[in-house]
């Protein structure tokens, strides 16, 4: 299981990749209706970060599938 720092690093690396290779997708990431953690007073945990990382991966995969050049 990835620890908190490793998950944060994975998220940073993926968002950097999206920003540099897919800027048109990157500008829409902040429009994703997503909240990390269900309760504001709750600390972010590895499950929250895993879920967020998976959402980012899924968004990128779908973007690539729908925007591939023929």
Protein backbone atom coordinates (compact mmCIF):
# COMPACT_ATOMS: atom_id res chain seq x y z
CA UNK A 1 0.00 0.00 0.00
CA UNK A 2 1.32 3.39 -0.93
CA UNK A 3 1.93 5.82 1.85
CA UNK A 4 0.64 9.37 1.87
CA UNK A 5 3.84 10.91 0.49
CA UNK A 6 4.10 8.39 -2.34
CA UNK A 7 0.49 9.00 -3.32
CA UNK A 8 1.01 12.76 -3.27
CA UNK A 9 4.08 12.33 -5.49
CA UNK A 10 2.10 10.18 -7.93
CA UNK A 11 -0.64 12.82 -8.10
CA UNK A 12 1.92 15.58 -8.71
CA UNK A 13 3.63 13.57 -11.45
CA UNK A 14 0.35 12.75 -13.18
CA UNK A 15 -0.96 16.32 -13.04
CA UNK A 16 2.38 17.57 -14.37
CA UNK A 17 2.15 15.10 -17.26
CA UNK A 18 -1.40 16.23 -17.97
CA UNK A 19 -0.35 19.88 -17.79
CA UNK A 20 2.54 19.48 -20.22
CA UNK A 21 1.15 16.90 -22.68
CA UNK A 22 -2.59 17.59 -22.47
CA UNK A 23 -3.02 21.28 -21.53
CA UNK A 24 -6.57 21.30 -22.88
CA UNK A 25 -7.47 18.62 -20.32
CA UNK A 26 -5.45 20.25 -17.55
CA UNK A 27 -7.45 23.48 -17.72
CA UNK A 28 -10.59 21.45 -17.02
CA UNK A 29 -9.29 19.56 -13.98
CA UNK A 30 -10.44 22.28 -11.61
CA UNK A 31 -13.95 21.86 -13.02
CA UNK A 32 -14.12 18.28 -11.81
CA UNK A 33 -16.86 18.08 -9.16
CA UNK A 34 -14.70 16.36 -6.58
CA UNK A 35 -14.07 16.78 -2.91
CA UNK A 36 -11.19 15.04 -1.24
CA UNK A 37 -12.59 13.78 2.02
CA UNK A 38 -16.26 13.80 2.85
CA UNK A 39 -15.98 15.95 5.95
CA UNK A 40 -13.97 19.17 6.10
CA UNK A 41 -12.81 18.46 9.65
CA UNK A 42 -11.49 15.03 8.63
CA UNK A 43 -7.85 14.68 7.66
CA UNK A 44 -7.07 13.50 4.16
CA UNK A 45 -6.02 9.86 4.21
CA UNK A 46 -4.50 7.39 1.78
CA UNK A 47 -7.93 6.16 0.66
CA UNK A 48 -8.94 9.69 -0.34
CA UNK A 49 -5.71 10.18 -2.28
CA UNK A 50 -5.98 6.77 -3.96
CA UNK A 51 -9.49 7.65 -5.10
CA UNK A 52 -8.36 11.03 -6.41
CA UNK A 53 -5.40 9.48 -8.25
CA UNK A 54 -7.72 6.93 -9.84
CA UNK A 55 -10.09 9.70 -10.96
CA UNK A 56 -7.19 11.55 -12.58
CA UNK A 57 -6.01 8.39 -14.33
CA UNK A 58 -9.52 7.65 -15.58
CA UNK A 59 -9.97 11.20 -16.87
CA UNK A 60 -6.69 11.00 -18.75
CA UNK A 61 -7.48 7.57 -20.21
CA UNK A 62 -10.90 8.73 -21.40
CA UNK A 63 -9.44 11.92 -22.84
CA UNK A 64 -6.82 9.99 -24.77
CA UNK A 65 -9.42 7.53 -26.08
CA UNK A 66 -11.76 10.25 -27.29
CA UNK A 67 -9.09 12.58 -28.68
CA UNK A 68 -6.76 10.18 -30.48
CA UNK A 69 -5.72 11.30 -33.90
CA UNK A 70 -6.68 8.91 -36.66
